[in-house]
Amino acid sequence: MGKLYLVPTPIGNLEDITLRALSVLKQVDLILAEDTRTSGFLLKHYEIEKKITAFHKFNEHKVLESILNRLTTGENMALISDAGTPGISDPGFLIVRACVEQGIEVECLPGATALIPALINSGFPCDRFVFEGFLPQKKGRKKRLEILKEETRTLIFYESPYRLIKTLQEFSEAFSPRRKASVSRELTKIHEENVRGTFSELIANFSSRPSVKGEIVIVVEGAPVKNKETISPSTLSEDDTDEMF
């Protein structure tokens, strides 16, 4: 029985790949890549010569069975996306689920992902957060925002630079123009940028630019906690008071 490795790849800076990831990519029998051309640059940079085949959202259902057959006969494979960790808004879930169901071992290596640097850079609480990834572009988008507007945990979204201003305007309407957020783009690259402010300020900032490049991560502060109960010491027993300290 073979093994499937989920290998994170750099989200921009080619140096953001672990020694372990490079070792796995050199050892496996086959590399499954979201885009063989994009991944080809990475593999060439690190002088990794391995068989590589496409595995993306348009063909994953079609090629899944043949990949599982090869895994069950003993081949080891690595799944990589164009950037970041497979399965996080990228192909990965379908094959992992299938491997688990068939008893094929799966191992996910730690590594690069855009949401964590953006979250920590935002300055918002990062002990509890909600990752939404890409919102539906049309159907269900407004309803999803309506549900999320009362969420008190920090919210994280992925977005295309071409839809950034429109999305900020939608967030402003759903959450309030005064709600604070952070927009991160070009993470780990030379022109990395983290812009913080209210939605009104962010809309003004990005509307004044001719164009914005790079994948976008939007981090939104959670909604204020409503009806927070307070406990008066006078209502507590002696035992309850002791437990508070």
C-alpha atoms as a PDB file:
ATOM      1  CA  MET A   1       0.000   0.000   0.000  1.00  0.00           C
ATOM      2  CA  GLY A   2       1.356   3.383  -0.979  1.00  0.00           C
ATOM      3  CA  LYS A   3       1.087   6.710   0.826  1.00  0.00           C
ATOM      4  CA  LEU A   4      -0.253  10.140  -0.092  1.00  0.00           C
ATOM      5  CA  TYR A   5       1.660  13.193   1.106  1.00  0.00           C
ATOM      6  CA  LEU A   6       0.074  16.656   1.148  1.00  0.00           C
ATOM      7  CA  VAL A   7       2.978  19.029   0.582  1.00  0.00           C
ATOM      8  CA  PRO A   8       2.627  22.804   1.102  1.00  0.00           C
ATOM      9  CA  THR A   9       4.443  24.964  -1.431  1.00  0.00           C
ATOM     10  CA  PRO A  10       5.490  28.650  -1.208  1.00  0.00           C
ATOM     11  CA  ILE A  11       2.769  31.271  -1.609  1.00  0.00           C
ATOM     12  CA  GLY A  12       5.235  33.659  -3.221  1.00  0.00           C
ATOM     13  CA  ASN A  13       8.753  33.457  -1.868  1.00  0.00           C
ATOM     14  CA  LEU A  14      10.447  30.300  -3.147  1.00  0.00           C
ATOM     15  CA  GLU A  15      12.510  30.070   0.046  1.00  0.00           C
ATOM     16  CA  ASP A  16       9.362  29.342   2.067  1.00  0.00           C
ATOM     17  CA  ILE A  17       9.495  25.598   1.587  1.00  0.00           C
ATOM     18  CA  THR A  18      10.700  23.174   4.236  1.00  0.00           C
ATOM     19  CA  LEU A  19      13.606  20.770   3.920  1.00  0.00           C
ATOM     20  CA  ARG A  20      11.182  17.971   4.678  1.00  0.00           C
ATOM     21  CA  ALA A  21       8.905  19.024   1.812  1.00  0.00           C
ATOM     22  CA  LEU A  22      11.826  18.963  -0.612  1.00  0.00           C
ATOM     23  CA  SER A  23      12.871  15.548   0.667  1.00  0.00           C
ATOM     24  CA  VAL A  24       9.374  14.119   0.136  1.00  0.00           C
ATOM     25  CA  LEU A  25       9.090  15.578  -3.376  1.00  0.00           C
ATOM     26  CA  LYS A  26      12.392  13.937  -4.301  1.00  0.00           C
ATOM     27  CA  GLN A  27      11.390  10.547  -2.912  1.00  0.00           C
ATOM     28  CA  VAL A  28       7.826   9.985  -4.151  1.00  0.00           C
ATOM     29  CA  ASP A  29       6.989   8.109  -7.327  1.00  0.00           C
ATOM     30  CA  LEU A  30       4.584  10.739  -8.655  1.00  0.00           C
ATOM     31  CA  ILE A  31       3.688  14.366  -7.974  1.00  0.00           C
ATOM     32  CA  LEU A  32       0.078  15.492  -8.411  1.00  0.00           C
ATOM     33  CA  ALA A  33      -0.037  19.200  -9.232  1.00  0.00           C
ATOM     34  CA  GLU A  34      -2.857  21.701  -9.584  1.00  0.00           C
ATOM     35  CA  ASP A  35      -1.033  23.293 -12.534  1.00  0.00           C
ATOM     36  CA  THR A  36       1.916  21.356 -13.943  1.00  0.00           C
ATOM     37  CA  ARG A  37       3.387  24.493 -15.523  1.00  0.00           C
ATOM     38  CA  THR A  38       3.336  26.511 -12.308  1.00  0.00           C
ATOM     39  CA  SER A  39       4.679  23.631 -10.241  1.00  0.00           C
ATOM     40  CA  GLY A  40       7.264  22.937 -12.930  1.00  0.00           C
ATOM     41  CA  PHE A  41       9.022  26.217 -12.121  1.00  0.00           C
ATOM     42  CA  LEU A  42       9.273  25.259  -8.447  1.00  0.00           C
ATOM     43  CA  LEU A  43      10.563  21.768  -9.164  1.00  0.00           C
ATOM     44  CA  LYS A  44      13.097  23.069 -11.671  1.00  0.00           C
ATOM     45  CA  HIS A  45      14.306  25.678  -9.167  1.00  0.00           C
ATOM     46  CA  TYR A  46      15.083  22.915  -6.660  1.00  0.00           C
ATOM     47  CA  GLU A  47      16.362  20.505  -9.334  1.00  0.00           C
ATOM     48  CA  ILE A  48      13.655  17.931  -8.659  1.00  0.00           C
ATOM     49  CA  GLU A  49      13.078  15.614 -11.587  1.00  0.00           C
ATOM     50  CA  LYS A  50       9.958  13.577 -10.952  1.00  0.00           C
ATOM     51  CA  LYS A  51       6.936  12.486 -12.920  1.00  0.00           C
ATOM     52  CA  ILE A  52       4.219  15.092 -12.582  1.00  0.00           C
ATOM     53  CA  THR A  53       0.553  14.894 -13.538  1.00  0.00           C
ATOM     54  CA  ALA A  54      -2.358  17.330 -13.310  1.00  0.00           C
ATOM     55  CA  PHE A  55      -4.855  17.058 -10.469  1.00  0.00           C
ATOM     56  CA  HIS A  56      -7.243  20.001 -10.242  1.00  0.00           C
ATOM     57  CA  LYS A  57     -10.900  20.819  -9.689  1.00  0.00           C
ATOM     58  CA  PHE A  58     -11.760  20.208 -13.348  1.00  0.00           C
ATOM     59  CA  ASN A  59     -10.376  16.672 -13.564  1.00  0.00           C
ATOM     60  CA  GLU A  60     -10.174  15.341  -9.980  1.00  0.00           C
ATOM     61  CA  HIS A  61     -13.353  13.260 -10.277  1.00  0.00           C
ATOM     62  CA  LYS A  62     -12.196  11.799 -13.588  1.00  0.00           C
ATOM     63  CA  VAL A  63      -8.667  10.768 -12.531  1.00  0.00           C
ATOM     64  CA  LEU A  64      -9.355   9.903  -8.882  1.00  0.00           C
ATOM     65  CA  GLU A  65      -9.977   6.180  -9.432  1.00  0.00           C
ATOM     66  CA  SER A  66      -6.754   5.625 -11.382  1.00  0.00           C
ATOM     67  CA  ILE A  67      -4.740   7.486  -8.736  1.00  0.00           C
ATOM     68  CA  LEU A  68      -6.266   5.391  -5.954  1.00  0.00           C
ATOM     69  CA  ASN A  69      -5.451   2.224  -7.875  1.00  0.00           C
ATOM     70  CA  ARG A  70      -1.818   3.246  -8.152  1.00  0.00           C
ATOM     71  CA  LEU A  71      -1.669   4.105  -4.452  1.00  0.00           C
ATOM     72  CA  THR A  72      -3.104   0.727  -3.487  1.00  0.00           C
ATOM     73  CA  THR A  73      -0.461  -1.040  -5.587  1.00  0.00           C
ATOM     74  CA  GLY A  74       2.330   0.606  -3.610  1.00  0.00           C
ATOM     75  CA  GLU A  75       3.164   3.906  -5.294  1.00  0.00           C
ATOM     76  CA  ASN A  76       3.841   6.920  -3.084  1.00  0.00           C
ATOM     77  CA  MET A  77       2.510  10.280  -4.246  1.00  0.00           C
ATOM     78  CA  ALA A  78       2.725  13.944  -3.268  1.00  0.00           C
ATOM     79  CA  LEU A  79      -0.119  16.396  -3.839  1.00  0.00           C
ATOM     80  CA  ILE A  80       0.817  20.049  -4.300  1.00  0.00           C
ATOM     81  CA  SER A  81      -1.216  23.119  -5.246  1.00  0.00           C
ATOM     82  CA  ASP A  82      -0.083  26.232  -7.098  1.00  0.00           C
ATOM     83  CA  ALA A  83       0.673  27.851  -3.747  1.00  0.00           C
ATOM     84  CA  GLY A  84       0.084  27.049  -0.099  1.00  0.00           C
ATOM     85  CA  THR A  85      -1.333  23.939   1.538  1.00  0.00           C
ATOM     86  CA  PRO A  86      -3.461  21.541  -0.558  1.00  0.00           C
ATOM     87  CA  GLY A  87      -7.076  21.412   0.587  1.00  0.00           C
ATOM     88  CA  ILE A  88      -7.207  25.022   1.781  1.00  0.00           C
ATOM     89  CA  SER A  89      -9.321  26.576  -1.006  1.00  0.00           C
ATOM     90  CA  ASP A  90      -7.423  24.238  -3.343  1.00  0.00           C
ATOM     91  CA  PRO A  91      -7.900  20.631  -4.535  1.00  0.00           C
ATOM     92  CA  GLY A  92      -7.253  18.041  -1.848  1.00  0.00           C
ATOM     93  CA  PHE A  93     -10.409  17.240   0.070  1.00  0.00           C
ATOM     94  CA  LEU A  94     -11.771  14.732  -2.443  1.00  0.00           C
ATOM     95  CA  ILE A  95      -8.638  12.598  -2.654  1.00  0.00           C
ATOM     96  CA  VAL A  96      -7.975  12.718   1.102  1.00  0.00           C
ATOM     97  CA  ARG A  97     -11.517  11.535   1.844  1.00  0.00           C
ATOM     98  CA  ALA A  98     -11.203   8.728  -0.695  1.00  0.00           C
ATOM     99  CA  CYS A  99      -7.849   7.616   0.751  1.00  0.00           C
ATOM    100  CA  VAL A 100      -9.258   7.572   4.282  1.00  0.00           C
ATOM    101  CA  GLU A 101     -12.216   5.491   3.145  1.00  0.00           C
ATOM    102  CA  GLN A 102      -9.928   2.968   1.442  1.00  0.00           C
ATOM    103  CA  GLY A 103      -7.402   2.760   4.252  1.00  0.00           C
ATOM    104  CA  ILE A 104      -4.612   4.497   2.324  1.00  0.00           C
ATOM    105  CA  GLU A 105      -2.239   6.392   4.625  1.00  0.00           C
ATOM    106  CA  VAL A 106      -2.284  10.183   4.296  1.00  0.00           C
ATOM    107  CA  GLU A 107       0.295  12.545   5.767  1.00  0.00           C
ATOM    108  CA  CYS A 108       0.027  16.337   5.660  1.00  0.00           C
ATOM    109  CA  LEU A 109       3.257  18.269   6.067  1.00  0.00           C
ATOM    110  CA  PRO A 110       3.201  21.639   7.856  1.00  0.00           C
ATOM    111  CA  GLY A 111       4.053  24.647   5.758  1.00  0.00           C
ATOM    112  CA  ALA A 112       3.013  27.778   3.939  1.00  0.00           C
ATOM    113  CA  THR A 113      -0.542  29.080   3.905  1.00  0.00           C
ATOM    114  CA  ALA A 114      -1.752  32.644   3.332  1.00  0.00           C
ATOM    115  CA  LEU A 115      -4.443  32.865   5.999  1.00  0.00           C
ATOM    116  CA  ILE A 116      -2.187  32.633   9.097  1.00  0.00           C
ATOM    117  CA  PRO A 117       0.278  35.452   8.220  1.00  0.00           C
ATOM    118  CA  ALA A 118      -2.643  37.679   7.209  1.00  0.00           C
ATOM    119  CA  LEU A 119      -4.501  36.937  10.448  1.00  0.00           C
ATOM    120  CA  ILE A 120      -1.515  37.679  12.673  1.00  0.00           C
ATOM    121  CA  ASN A 121      -0.587  40.811  10.686  1.00  0.00           C
ATOM    122  CA  SER A 122      -4.125  42.178  11.052  1.00  0.00           C
ATOM    123  CA  GLY A 123      -3.792  42.970  14.744  1.00  0.00           C
ATOM    124  CA  PHE A 124      -7.179  41.396  15.471  1.00  0.00           C
ATOM    125  CA  PRO A 125      -7.646  38.613  18.046  1.00  0.00           C
ATOM    126  CA  CYS A 126      -6.270  35.371  16.617  1.00  0.00           C
ATOM    127  CA  ASP A 127      -7.065  32.982  19.465  1.00  0.00           C
ATOM    128  CA  ARG A 128     -10.449  32.233  17.867  1.00  0.00           C
ATOM    129  CA  PHE A 129     -11.234  32.822  14.195  1.00  0.00           C
ATOM    130  CA  VAL A 130     -13.424  31.685  11.309  1.00  0.00           C
ATOM    131  CA  PHE A 131     -11.934  30.887   7.898  1.00  0.00           C
ATOM    132  CA  GLU A 132     -14.451  31.374   5.088  1.00  0.00           C
ATOM    133  CA  GLY A 133     -12.116  31.121   2.089  1.00  0.00           C
ATOM    134  CA  PHE A 134     -13.752  32.345  -1.136  1.00  0.00           C
ATOM    135  CA  LEU A 135     -17.383  33.360  -0.735  1.00  0.00           C
ATOM    136  CA  PRO A 136     -19.880  32.222  -3.388  1.00  0.00           C
ATOM    137  CA  GLN A 137     -19.622  34.652  -6.284  1.00  0.00           C
ATOM    138  CA  LYS A 138     -23.369  34.826  -6.866  1.00  0.00           C
ATOM    139  CA  LYS A 139     -25.911  32.461  -5.343  1.00  0.00           C
ATOM    140  CA  GLY A 140     -25.802  32.368  -1.558  1.00  0.00           C
ATOM    141  CA  ARG A 141     -23.290  35.205  -1.166  1.00  0.00           C
ATOM    142  CA  LYS A 142     -25.672  37.747   0.383  1.00  0.00           C
ATOM    143  CA  LYS A 143     -27.206  35.133   2.662  1.00  0.00           C
ATOM    144  CA  ARG A 144     -23.766  34.046   3.870  1.00  0.00           C
ATOM    145  CA  LEU A 145     -22.808  37.616   4.752  1.00  0.00           C
ATOM    146  CA  GLU A 146     -26.104  38.040   6.599  1.00  0.00           C
ATOM    147  CA  ILE A 147     -25.225  35.017   8.754  1.00  0.00           C
ATOM    148  CA  LEU A 148     -21.673  36.215   9.391  1.00  0.00           C
ATOM    149  CA  LYS A 149     -22.448  39.796  10.393  1.00  0.00           C
ATOM    150  CA  GLU A 150     -23.133  38.752  14.000  1.00  0.00           C
ATOM    151  CA  GLU A 151     -20.073  36.479  14.237  1.00  0.00           C
ATOM    152  CA  THR A 152     -17.898  37.653  17.145  1.00  0.00           C
ATOM    153  CA  ARG A 153     -14.775  35.748  16.090  1.00  0.00           C
ATOM    154  CA  THR A 154     -12.265  37.215  13.633  1.00  0.00           C
ATOM    155  CA  LEU A 155     -13.254  36.437  10.032  1.00  0.00           C
ATOM    156  CA  ILE A 156     -10.869  35.515   7.205  1.00  0.00           C
ATOM    157  CA  PHE A 157     -11.708  35.606   3.497  1.00  0.00           C
ATOM    158  CA  TYR A 158      -9.820  34.999   0.251  1.00  0.00           C
ATOM    159  CA  GLU A 159     -10.572  37.223  -2.720  1.00  0.00           C
ATOM    160  CA  SER A 160      -9.418  38.013  -6.240  1.00  0.00           C
ATOM    161  CA  PRO A 161      -7.823  41.450  -6.784  1.00  0.00           C
ATOM    162  CA  TYR A 162     -10.342  42.054  -9.567  1.00  0.00           C
ATOM    163  CA  ARG A 163     -13.248  41.833  -7.101  1.00  0.00           C
ATOM    164  CA  LEU A 164     -11.599  43.543  -4.126  1.00  0.00           C
ATOM    165  CA  ILE A 165     -13.400  46.902  -4.192  1.00  0.00           C
ATOM    166  CA  LYS A 166     -16.786  45.329  -4.890  1.00  0.00           C
ATOM    167  CA  THR A 167     -16.274  42.875  -2.039  1.00  0.00           C
ATOM    168  CA  LEU A 168     -15.226  45.634   0.371  1.00  0.00           C
ATOM    169  CA  GLN A 169     -18.382  47.543  -0.549  1.00  0.00           C
ATOM    170  CA  GLU A 170     -20.505  44.444   0.096  1.00  0.00           C
ATOM    171  CA  PHE A 171     -18.762  43.897   3.442  1.00  0.00           C
ATOM    172  CA  SER A 172     -19.331  47.533   4.359  1.00  0.00           C
ATOM    173  CA  GLU A 173     -23.060  47.168   3.717  1.00  0.00           C
ATOM    174  CA  ALA A 174     -23.311  43.848   5.546  1.00  0.00           C
ATOM    175  CA  PHE A 175     -21.037  44.499   8.527  1.00  0.00           C
ATOM    176  CA  SER A 176     -21.056  48.350   8.841  1.00  0.00           C
ATOM    177  CA  PRO A 177     -18.796  50.969   7.245  1.00  0.00           C
ATOM    178  CA  ARG A 178     -17.170  51.467  10.653  1.00  0.00           C
ATOM    179  CA  ARG A 179     -16.164  47.821  11.114  1.00  0.00           C
ATOM    180  CA  LYS A 180     -12.389  47.430  10.968  1.00  0.00           C
ATOM    181  CA  ALA A 181     -10.599  45.094   8.596  1.00  0.00           C
ATOM    182  CA  SER A 182      -7.188  44.346   7.139  1.00  0.00           C
ATOM    183  CA  VAL A 183      -6.356  43.655   3.501  1.00  0.00           C
ATOM    184  CA  SER A 184      -3.189  41.668   2.800  1.00  0.00           C
ATOM    185  CA  ARG A 185      -1.774  41.107  -0.662  1.00  0.00           C
ATOM    186  CA  GLU A 186       1.432  39.833  -2.243  1.00  0.00           C
ATOM    187  CA  LEU A 187       2.244  38.016   1.000  1.00  0.00           C
ATOM    188  CA  THR A 188       5.902  36.910   1.294  1.00  0.00           C
ATOM    189  CA  LYS A 189       6.803  38.815  -1.893  1.00  0.00           C
ATOM    190  CA  ILE A 190       8.856  41.994  -2.384  1.00  0.00           C
ATOM    191  CA  HIS A 191       5.761  44.196  -2.607  1.00  0.00           C
ATOM    192  CA  GLU A 192       3.893  42.643   0.333  1.00  0.00           C
ATOM    193  CA  GLU A 193       1.285  45.022   1.724  1.00  0.00           C
ATOM    194  CA  ASN A 194      -1.047  44.999   4.717  1.00  0.00           C
ATOM    195  CA  VAL A 195      -3.607  47.824   4.768  1.00  0.00           C
ATOM    196  CA  ARG A 196      -5.714  48.304   7.891  1.00  0.00           C
ATOM    197  CA  GLY A 197      -8.694  50.528   8.613  1.00  0.00           C
ATOM    198  CA  THR A 198     -12.477  50.741   8.574  1.00  0.00           C
ATOM    199  CA  PHE A 199     -14.297  49.523   5.498  1.00  0.00           C
ATOM    200  CA  SER A 200     -14.894  53.150   4.522  1.00  0.00           C
ATOM    201  CA  GLU A 201     -11.171  53.867   4.716  1.00  0.00           C
ATOM    202  CA  LEU A 202     -10.217  50.702   2.844  1.00  0.00           C
ATOM    203  CA  ILE A 203     -12.679  51.409   0.026  1.00  0.00           C
ATOM    204  CA  ALA A 204     -11.263  54.927  -0.349  1.00  0.00           C
ATOM    205  CA  ASN A 205      -7.698  53.595  -0.296  1.00  0.00           C
ATOM    206  CA  PHE A 206      -8.088  50.951  -2.977  1.00  0.00           C
ATOM    207  CA  SER A 207     -10.507  52.983  -5.108  1.00  0.00           C
ATOM    208  CA  SER A 208      -7.780  55.612  -5.528  1.00  0.00           C
ATOM    209  CA  ARG A 209      -5.406  53.129  -7.162  1.00  0.00           C
ATOM    210  CA  PRO A 210      -5.295  52.288 -10.863  1.00  0.00           C
ATOM    211  CA  SER A 211      -5.033  48.547 -10.201  1.00  0.00           C
ATOM    212  CA  VAL A 212      -4.271  46.058  -7.466  1.00  0.00           C
ATOM    213  CA  LYS A 213      -2.277  42.890  -8.046  1.00  0.00           C
ATOM    214  CA  GLY A 214      -1.758  39.702  -6.090  1.00  0.00           C
ATOM    215  CA  GLU A 215      -4.032  37.291  -4.294  1.00  0.00           C
ATOM    216  CA  ILE A 216      -5.993  38.970  -1.507  1.00  0.00           C
ATOM    217  CA  VAL A 217      -6.701  37.976   2.095  1.00  0.00           C
ATOM    218  CA  ILE A 218      -9.296  40.071   3.937  1.00  0.00           C
ATOM    219  CA  VAL A 219      -9.387  39.811   7.728  1.00  0.00           C
ATOM    220  CA  VAL A 220     -12.414  41.323   9.475  1.00  0.00           C
ATOM    221  CA  GLU A 221     -12.728  42.051  13.175  1.00  0.00           C
ATOM    222  CA  GLY A 222     -15.499  40.153  14.916  1.00  0.00           C
ATOM    223  CA  ALA A 223     -18.797  41.753  15.813  1.00  0.00           C
ATOM    224  CA  PRO A 224     -19.107  43.242  19.301  1.00  0.00           C
ATOM    225  CA  VAL A 225     -20.365  40.772  21.885  1.00  0.00           C
ATOM    226  CA  LYS A 226     -23.967  41.645  22.734  1.00  0.00           C
ATOM    227  CA  ASN A 227     -25.841  41.069  25.987  1.00  0.00           C
ATOM    228  CA  LYS A 228     -22.706  40.033  27.795  1.00  0.00           C
ATOM    229  CA  GLU A 229     -23.788  38.858  31.231  1.00  0.00           C
ATOM    230  CA  THR A 230     -22.029  40.242  34.267  1.00  0.00           C
ATOM    231  CA  ILE A 231     -21.999  38.532  37.609  1.00  0.00           C
ATOM    232  CA  SER A 232     -22.240  40.597  40.757  1.00  0.00           C
ATOM    233  CA  PRO A 233     -20.111  39.305  43.663  1.00  0.00           C
ATOM    234  CA  SER A 234     -23.093  39.864  45.969  1.00  0.00           C
ATOM    235  CA  THR A 235     -25.041  37.135  44.147  1.00  0.00           C
ATOM    236  CA  LEU A 236     -22.309  34.524  44.627  1.00  0.00           C
ATOM    237  CA  SER A 237     -21.916  32.130  47.511  1.00  0.00           C
ATOM    238  CA  GLU A 238     -18.659  31.928  49.419  1.00  0.00           C
ATOM    239  CA  ASP A 239     -17.693  28.777  47.508  1.00  0.00           C
ATOM    240  CA  ASP A 240     -18.416  30.428  44.139  1.00  0.00           C
ATOM    241  CA  THR A 241     -16.288  33.418  45.090  1.00  0.00           C
ATOM    242  CA  ASP A 242     -13.355  31.158  45.956  1.00  0.00           C
ATOM    243  CA  GLU A 243     -13.530  29.518  42.505  1.00  0.00           C
ATOM    244  CA  MET A 244     -13.119  32.870  40.777  1.00  0.00           C
ATOM    245  CA  PHE A 245      -9.577  33.299  42.125  1.00  0.00           C
END
